[in-house]
Amino acid sequence: MSSQPLRVVIIDDCAPFRVAARELLEERGFAVVAEADRARSGLEAVEAVAPDAVLLDIHLPDGNGIDVCRGLTEANPELVVLLVSAEAEHGRWASDCGAVGFLPKARLGSAEFVDLLRGDADDDLTADATG
């Protein structure tokens, strides 16, 4: 296993959430290599930096995170995409688009967050995270 930190792109239109997510990820040993506030700029960032994982909001001003996730995972099945939203009921779409799971934004600091991004989580975790 590589000693290099997992490289993550954060795609979310809420700047305070991106700041909090970046701080949390970096504290937990991840390297945040890019951020984007829109679907299009997020897709461009992922293409430019080739991350290991993406933290992706479902609601974006110029697109739907579900569609973005589907496009990313179809292009790169090895890419770990974790969907997030302020609305917990949106977790039901995670498995349909290739995401490893869904986490309500309110649970950002949970241990499951790290497991999901590392791709180590149990399949039941997404259902548990939706509450």
N, C-alpha and C. Protein backbone atom coordinates (compact mmCIF):
# COMPACT_ATOMS: atom_id res chain seq x y z
N MET A 1 0.84 -1.19 0.00
CA MET A 1 0.00 0.00 0.00
C MET A 1 0.87 1.24 0.00
N SER A 2 0.51 2.25 -0.75
CA SER A 2 1.27 3.47 -0.87
C SER A 2 1.21 4.30 0.40
N SER A 3 2.33 4.98 0.69
CA SER A 3 2.36 5.87 1.85
C SER A 3 1.87 7.26 1.49
N GLN A 4 1.58 7.49 0.22
CA GLN A 4 1.08 8.78 -0.23
C GLN A 4 -0.36 8.96 0.24
N PRO A 5 -0.70 10.18 0.66
CA PRO A 5 -2.10 10.41 1.06
C PRO A 5 -3.04 10.31 -0.13
N LEU A 6 -4.27 9.88 0.14
CA LEU A 6 -5.27 9.86 -0.92
C LEU A 6 -5.55 11.29 -1.35
N ARG A 7 -5.63 11.48 -2.65
CA ARG A 7 -5.86 12.81 -3.24
C ARG A 7 -7.36 12.99 -3.49
N VAL A 8 -7.90 14.08 -2.98
CA VAL A 8 -9.35 14.31 -3.03
C VAL A 8 -9.66 15.64 -3.70
N VAL A 9 -10.73 15.63 -4.48
CA VAL A 9 -11.32 16.85 -5.03
C VAL A 9 -12.66 17.06 -4.33
N ILE A 10 -12.91 18.29 -3.90
CA ILE A 10 -14.19 18.65 -3.27
C ILE A 10 -15.00 19.46 -4.28
N ILE A 11 -16.21 18.99 -4.58
CA ILE A 11 -17.11 19.71 -5.48
C ILE A 11 -18.38 20.05 -4.71
N ASP A 12 -18.52 21.31 -4.35
CA ASP A 12 -19.66 21.77 -3.55
C ASP A 12 -19.81 23.27 -3.75
N ASP A 13 -21.03 23.74 -3.90
CA ASP A 13 -21.24 25.17 -4.15
C ASP A 13 -21.22 26.02 -2.88
N CYS A 14 -21.14 25.41 -1.73
CA CYS A 14 -21.14 26.13 -0.46
C CYS A 14 -19.69 26.30 0.03
N ALA A 15 -19.17 27.52 -0.06
CA ALA A 15 -17.77 27.78 0.32
C ALA A 15 -17.48 27.39 1.77
N PRO A 16 -18.34 27.72 2.76
CA PRO A 16 -18.03 27.29 4.13
C PRO A 16 -17.96 25.77 4.28
N PHE A 17 -18.78 25.04 3.55
CA PHE A 17 -18.70 23.58 3.61
C PHE A 17 -17.38 23.10 3.03
N ARG A 18 -16.96 23.69 1.91
CA ARG A 18 -15.68 23.29 1.32
C ARG A 18 -14.53 23.53 2.30
N VAL A 19 -14.55 24.65 2.99
CA VAL A 19 -13.51 24.95 3.97
C VAL A 19 -13.51 23.90 5.08
N ALA A 20 -14.68 23.60 5.63
CA ALA A 20 -14.79 22.62 6.71
C ALA A 20 -14.35 21.23 6.23
N ALA A 21 -14.77 20.85 5.04
CA ALA A 21 -14.41 19.54 4.50
C ALA A 21 -12.91 19.46 4.27
N ARG A 22 -12.32 20.51 3.72
CA ARG A 22 -10.88 20.53 3.48
C ARG A 22 -10.12 20.36 4.80
N GLU A 23 -10.51 21.14 5.81
CA GLU A 23 -9.83 21.06 7.11
C GLU A 23 -9.93 19.65 7.69
N LEU A 24 -11.11 19.08 7.64
CA LEU A 24 -11.32 17.74 8.19
C LEU A 24 -10.52 16.69 7.42
N LEU A 25 -10.55 16.78 6.11
CA LEU A 25 -9.80 15.82 5.30
C LEU A 25 -8.31 15.92 5.56
N GLU A 26 -7.80 17.12 5.60
CA GLU A 26 -6.37 17.30 5.82
C GLU A 26 -5.96 16.83 7.22
N GLU A 27 -6.81 17.07 8.22
CA GLU A 27 -6.54 16.57 9.57
C GLU A 27 -6.47 15.05 9.61
N ARG A 28 -7.22 14.41 8.72
CA ARG A 28 -7.29 12.95 8.70
C ARG A 28 -6.33 12.32 7.68
N GLY A 29 -5.42 13.12 7.16
CA GLY A 29 -4.37 12.58 6.31
C GLY A 29 -4.63 12.56 4.82
N PHE A 30 -5.69 13.16 4.37
CA PHE A 30 -5.97 13.26 2.93
C PHE A 30 -5.29 14.50 2.37
N ALA A 31 -5.07 14.52 1.07
CA ALA A 31 -4.54 15.69 0.38
C ALA A 31 -5.65 16.24 -0.51
N VAL A 32 -6.15 17.42 -0.21
CA VAL A 32 -7.17 18.04 -1.06
C VAL A 32 -6.42 18.74 -2.19
N VAL A 33 -6.59 18.24 -3.40
CA VAL A 33 -5.81 18.72 -4.53
C VAL A 33 -6.56 19.72 -5.40
N ALA A 34 -7.87 19.86 -5.19
CA ALA A 34 -8.65 20.84 -5.94
C ALA A 34 -10.02 20.98 -5.30
N GLU A 35 -10.62 22.14 -5.55
CA GLU A 35 -11.99 22.41 -5.13
C GLU A 35 -12.71 23.04 -6.31
N ALA A 36 -14.03 22.82 -6.35
CA ALA A 36 -14.85 23.43 -7.39
C ALA A 36 -16.23 23.71 -6.80
N ASP A 37 -16.88 24.75 -7.35
CA ASP A 37 -18.20 25.13 -6.84
C ASP A 37 -19.32 24.85 -7.83
N ARG A 38 -18.99 24.20 -8.93
CA ARG A 38 -19.98 23.90 -9.96
C ARG A 38 -19.68 22.54 -10.59
N ALA A 39 -20.65 21.99 -11.26
CA ALA A 39 -20.48 20.69 -11.92
C ALA A 39 -19.39 20.77 -12.99
N ARG A 40 -19.48 21.75 -13.85
CA ARG A 40 -18.53 21.84 -14.96
C ARG A 40 -17.10 22.03 -14.47
N SER A 41 -16.90 22.97 -13.54
CA SER A 41 -15.54 23.19 -13.03
C SER A 41 -15.06 21.99 -12.23
N GLY A 42 -15.98 21.26 -11.60
CA GLY A 42 -15.61 20.04 -10.90
C GLY A 42 -15.12 18.96 -11.84
N LEU A 43 -15.84 18.77 -12.93
CA LEU A 43 -15.42 17.79 -13.94
C LEU A 43 -14.05 18.16 -14.51
N GLU A 44 -13.84 19.45 -14.76
CA GLU A 44 -12.55 19.90 -15.27
C GLU A 44 -11.43 19.65 -14.25
N ALA A 45 -11.72 19.91 -12.98
CA ALA A 45 -10.71 19.68 -11.93
C ALA A 45 -10.35 18.21 -11.83
N VAL A 46 -11.35 17.35 -11.86
CA VAL A 46 -11.09 15.91 -11.78
C VAL A 46 -10.24 15.46 -12.97
N GLU A 47 -10.55 15.96 -14.14
CA GLU A 47 -9.77 15.60 -15.32
C GLU A 47 -8.33 16.11 -15.21
N ALA A 48 -8.16 17.30 -14.67
CA ALA A 48 -6.83 17.91 -14.59
C ALA A 48 -5.93 17.26 -13.54
N VAL A 49 -6.48 16.89 -12.38
CA VAL A 49 -5.63 16.42 -11.28
C VAL A 49 -5.71 14.92 -11.02
N ALA A 50 -6.65 14.21 -11.64
CA ALA A 50 -6.79 12.76 -11.50
C ALA A 50 -6.72 12.32 -10.03
N PRO A 51 -7.72 12.71 -9.23
CA PRO A 51 -7.70 12.35 -7.81
C PRO A 51 -8.04 10.88 -7.58
N ASP A 52 -7.85 10.46 -6.33
CA ASP A 52 -8.26 9.12 -5.92
C ASP A 52 -9.73 9.10 -5.52
N ALA A 53 -10.21 10.26 -5.04
CA ALA A 53 -11.58 10.34 -4.51
C ALA A 53 -12.16 11.73 -4.76
N VAL A 54 -13.50 11.77 -4.76
CA VAL A 54 -14.22 13.03 -4.94
C VAL A 54 -15.31 13.10 -3.88
N LEU A 55 -15.38 14.22 -3.20
CA LEU A 55 -16.47 14.53 -2.29
C LEU A 55 -17.41 15.43 -3.08
N LEU A 56 -18.62 14.96 -3.37
CA LEU A 56 -19.49 15.59 -4.36
C LEU A 56 -20.87 15.91 -3.82
N ASP A 57 -21.23 17.18 -3.87
CA ASP A 57 -22.56 17.62 -3.47
C ASP A 57 -23.58 17.20 -4.52
N ILE A 58 -24.76 16.84 -4.09
CA ILE A 58 -25.81 16.44 -5.02
C ILE A 58 -26.40 17.65 -5.74
N HIS A 59 -26.53 18.78 -5.04
CA HIS A 59 -27.13 19.99 -5.64
C HIS A 59 -26.04 20.98 -6.02
N LEU A 60 -25.91 21.23 -7.32
CA LEU A 60 -24.95 22.19 -7.83
C LEU A 60 -25.68 23.18 -8.72
N PRO A 61 -25.21 24.41 -8.80
CA PRO A 61 -25.93 25.44 -9.56
C PRO A 61 -26.09 25.13 -11.05
N ASP A 62 -25.14 24.40 -11.61
CA ASP A 62 -25.19 24.15 -13.05
C ASP A 62 -25.35 22.67 -13.40
N GLY A 63 -25.77 21.87 -12.43
CA GLY A 63 -25.95 20.46 -12.74
C GLY A 63 -26.33 19.65 -11.52
N ASN A 64 -26.54 18.40 -11.76
CA ASN A 64 -26.96 17.47 -10.74
C ASN A 64 -25.77 16.59 -10.36
N GLY A 65 -25.44 16.52 -9.08
CA GLY A 65 -24.33 15.70 -8.63
C GLY A 65 -24.47 14.24 -8.98
N ILE A 66 -25.70 13.75 -9.07
CA ILE A 66 -25.94 12.36 -9.46
C ILE A 66 -25.42 12.13 -10.88
N ASP A 67 -25.75 13.04 -11.78
CA ASP A 67 -25.29 12.91 -13.15
C ASP A 67 -23.77 13.07 -13.24
N VAL A 68 -23.22 13.99 -12.46
CA VAL A 68 -21.77 14.18 -12.43
C VAL A 68 -21.10 12.90 -11.95
N CYS A 69 -21.62 12.33 -10.88
CA CYS A 69 -21.08 11.08 -10.34
C CYS A 69 -21.12 9.97 -11.37
N ARG A 70 -22.23 9.83 -12.02
CA ARG A 70 -22.38 8.78 -13.03
C ARG A 70 -21.32 8.94 -14.13
N GLY A 71 -21.14 10.17 -14.60
CA GLY A 71 -20.14 10.43 -15.63
C GLY A 71 -18.73 10.13 -15.15
N LEU A 72 -18.42 10.53 -13.92
CA LEU A 72 -17.08 10.29 -13.38
C LEU A 72 -16.80 8.80 -13.20
N THR A 73 -17.74 8.08 -12.64
CA THR A 73 -17.50 6.66 -12.36
C THR A 73 -17.57 5.80 -13.62
N GLU A 74 -18.33 6.23 -14.62
CA GLU A 74 -18.31 5.49 -15.88
C GLU A 74 -16.98 5.68 -16.59
N ALA A 75 -16.42 6.89 -16.50
CA ALA A 75 -15.13 7.18 -17.13
C ALA A 75 -13.98 6.54 -16.37
N ASN A 76 -14.13 6.42 -15.05
CA ASN A 76 -13.07 5.87 -14.21
C ASN A 76 -13.69 5.05 -13.08
N PRO A 77 -13.94 3.77 -13.31
CA PRO A 77 -14.59 2.94 -12.30
C PRO A 77 -13.81 2.83 -10.99
N GLU A 78 -12.52 3.10 -10.98
CA GLU A 78 -11.70 3.04 -9.77
C GLU A 78 -11.86 4.28 -8.90
N LEU A 79 -12.42 5.35 -9.43
CA LEU A 79 -12.57 6.60 -8.69
C LEU A 79 -13.60 6.42 -7.57
N VAL A 80 -13.24 6.83 -6.39
CA VAL A 80 -14.14 6.77 -5.23
C VAL A 80 -14.89 8.09 -5.16
N VAL A 81 -16.21 8.03 -5.27
CA VAL A 81 -17.04 9.23 -5.19
C VAL A 81 -17.99 9.08 -4.02
N LEU A 82 -17.94 10.05 -3.12
CA LEU A 82 -18.84 10.09 -1.97
C LEU A 82 -19.78 11.27 -2.16
N LEU A 83 -21.06 10.98 -2.22
CA LEU A 83 -22.08 12.03 -2.36
C LEU A 83 -22.41 12.61 -1.00
N VAL A 84 -22.66 13.92 -0.98
CA VAL A 84 -23.10 14.60 0.24
C VAL A 84 -24.25 15.53 -0.11
N SER A 85 -25.07 15.79 0.88
CA SER A 85 -26.17 16.74 0.73
C SER A 85 -26.65 17.15 2.10
N ALA A 86 -27.20 18.34 2.17
CA ALA A 86 -27.81 18.80 3.42
C ALA A 86 -29.12 18.05 3.68
N GLU A 87 -29.67 17.44 2.65
CA GLU A 87 -30.94 16.73 2.74
C GLU A 87 -30.68 15.23 2.78
N ALA A 88 -30.86 14.63 3.95
CA ALA A 88 -30.50 13.23 4.17
C ALA A 88 -31.24 12.24 3.27
N GLU A 89 -32.44 12.56 2.85
CA GLU A 89 -33.21 11.60 2.03
C GLU A 89 -32.61 11.40 0.64
N HIS A 90 -31.66 12.21 0.24
CA HIS A 90 -31.06 12.06 -1.08
C HIS A 90 -30.11 10.87 -1.17
N GLY A 91 -29.81 10.24 -0.07
CA GLY A 91 -28.90 9.11 -0.06
C GLY A 91 -29.38 7.92 -0.86
N ARG A 92 -30.65 7.83 -1.13
CA ARG A 92 -31.18 6.68 -1.86
C ARG A 92 -30.63 6.58 -3.29
N TRP A 93 -30.06 7.67 -3.80
CA TRP A 93 -29.55 7.65 -5.18
C TRP A 93 -28.10 7.22 -5.28
N ALA A 94 -27.42 7.09 -4.17
CA ALA A 94 -25.97 6.85 -4.21
C ALA A 94 -25.60 5.61 -5.00
N SER A 95 -26.27 4.51 -4.78
CA SER A 95 -25.88 3.26 -5.44
C SER A 95 -26.23 3.25 -6.92
N ASP A 96 -27.15 4.09 -7.34
CA ASP A 96 -27.58 4.11 -8.73
C ASP A 96 -26.62 4.85 -9.66
N CYS A 97 -25.68 5.59 -9.10
CA CYS A 97 -24.81 6.40 -9.95
C CYS A 97 -23.34 6.04 -9.83
N GLY A 98 -23.03 5.01 -9.06
CA GLY A 98 -21.64 4.58 -8.93
C GLY A 98 -20.92 5.11 -7.72
N ALA A 99 -21.60 5.88 -6.88
CA ALA A 99 -20.97 6.40 -5.67
C ALA A 99 -20.72 5.27 -4.67
N VAL A 100 -19.69 5.43 -3.85
CA VAL A 100 -19.42 4.44 -2.80
C VAL A 100 -20.39 4.60 -1.64
N GLY A 101 -21.03 5.76 -1.58
CA GLY A 101 -21.98 5.99 -0.51
C GLY A 101 -22.47 7.42 -0.49
N PHE A 102 -23.24 7.69 0.52
CA PHE A 102 -23.83 9.01 0.74
C PHE A 102 -23.68 9.35 2.20
N LEU A 103 -23.42 10.63 2.46
CA LEU A 103 -23.32 11.10 3.82
C LEU A 103 -24.02 12.45 3.93
N PRO A 104 -24.98 12.58 4.85
CA PRO A 104 -25.57 13.90 5.08
C PRO A 104 -24.48 14.85 5.56
N LYS A 105 -24.52 16.07 5.12
CA LYS A 105 -23.48 17.03 5.50
C LYS A 105 -23.36 17.18 7.01
N ALA A 106 -24.43 17.02 7.72
CA ALA A 106 -24.40 17.14 9.18
C ALA A 106 -23.51 16.07 9.82
N ARG A 107 -23.23 14.99 9.09
CA ARG A 107 -22.40 13.90 9.64
C ARG A 107 -20.99 13.92 9.09
N LEU A 108 -20.57 15.07 8.61
CA LEU A 108 -19.26 15.20 8.00
C LEU A 108 -18.13 14.72 8.91
N GLY A 109 -18.22 14.98 10.19
CA GLY A 109 -17.15 14.61 11.11
C GLY A 109 -17.15 13.17 11.55
N SER A 110 -18.06 12.35 11.05
CA SER A 110 -18.18 10.97 11.52
C SER A 110 -17.06 10.09 10.99
N ALA A 111 -16.83 9.00 11.67
CA ALA A 111 -15.82 8.04 11.24
C ALA A 111 -16.17 7.43 9.89
N GLU A 112 -17.44 7.28 9.61
CA GLU A 112 -17.87 6.69 8.34
C GLU A 112 -17.36 7.49 7.15
N PHE A 113 -17.25 8.79 7.34
CA PHE A 113 -16.78 9.69 6.29
C PHE A 113 -15.42 9.24 5.77
N VAL A 114 -14.50 8.98 6.67
CA VAL A 114 -13.16 8.55 6.28
C VAL A 114 -13.21 7.18 5.63
N ASP A 115 -13.96 6.25 6.22
CA ASP A 115 -14.07 4.90 5.66
C ASP A 115 -14.64 4.92 4.25
N LEU A 116 -15.67 5.74 4.05
CA LEU A 116 -16.28 5.82 2.72
C LEU A 116 -15.31 6.36 1.69
N LEU A 117 -14.58 7.42 2.03
CA LEU A 117 -13.63 7.98 1.06
C LEU A 117 -12.47 7.04 0.78
N ARG A 118 -12.10 6.26 1.75
CA ARG A 118 -11.01 5.30 1.54
C ARG A 118 -11.51 4.05 0.80
N GLY A 119 -12.83 3.93 0.65
CA GLY A 119 -13.40 2.77 0.00
C GLY A 119 -13.41 1.54 0.89
N ASP A 120 -13.29 1.75 2.22
CA ASP A 120 -13.22 0.64 3.18
C ASP A 120 -14.54 0.36 3.88
N ALA A 121 -15.57 1.10 3.58
CA ALA A 121 -16.81 1.01 4.35
C ALA A 121 -17.61 -0.23 3.98
N ASP A 122 -18.43 -0.66 4.92
CA ASP A 122 -19.39 -1.73 4.67
C ASP A 122 -20.47 -1.20 3.75
N ASP A 123 -21.11 -2.11 3.02
CA ASP A 123 -22.20 -1.70 2.13
C ASP A 123 -23.36 -1.11 2.90
N ASP A 124 -23.54 -1.52 4.15
CA ASP A 124 -24.65 -1.02 4.96
C ASP A 124 -24.47 0.41 5.42
N LEU A 125 -23.26 0.94 5.28
CA LEU A 125 -22.96 2.25 5.83
C LEU A 125 -23.80 3.36 5.20
N THR A 126 -24.03 3.28 3.89
CA THR A 126 -24.81 4.30 3.23
C THR A 126 -26.23 4.33 3.81
N ALA A 127 -26.82 3.20 4.00
CA ALA A 127 -28.17 3.15 4.57
C ALA A 127 -28.17 3.70 5.99
N ASP A 128 -27.13 3.36 6.77
CA ASP A 128 -27.04 3.87 8.13
C ASP A 128 -26.87 5.38 8.14
N ALA A 129 -26.13 5.90 7.20
CA ALA A 129 -25.85 7.34 7.18
C ALA A 129 -27.09 8.16 6.83
N THR A 130 -28.03 7.54 6.17
CA THR A 130 -29.23 8.29 5.79
C THR A 130 -30.22 8.36 6.93
N GLY A 131 -29.96 7.59 7.97
CA GLY A 131 -30.73 7.67 9.20
C GLY A 131 -32.07 7.11 9.14
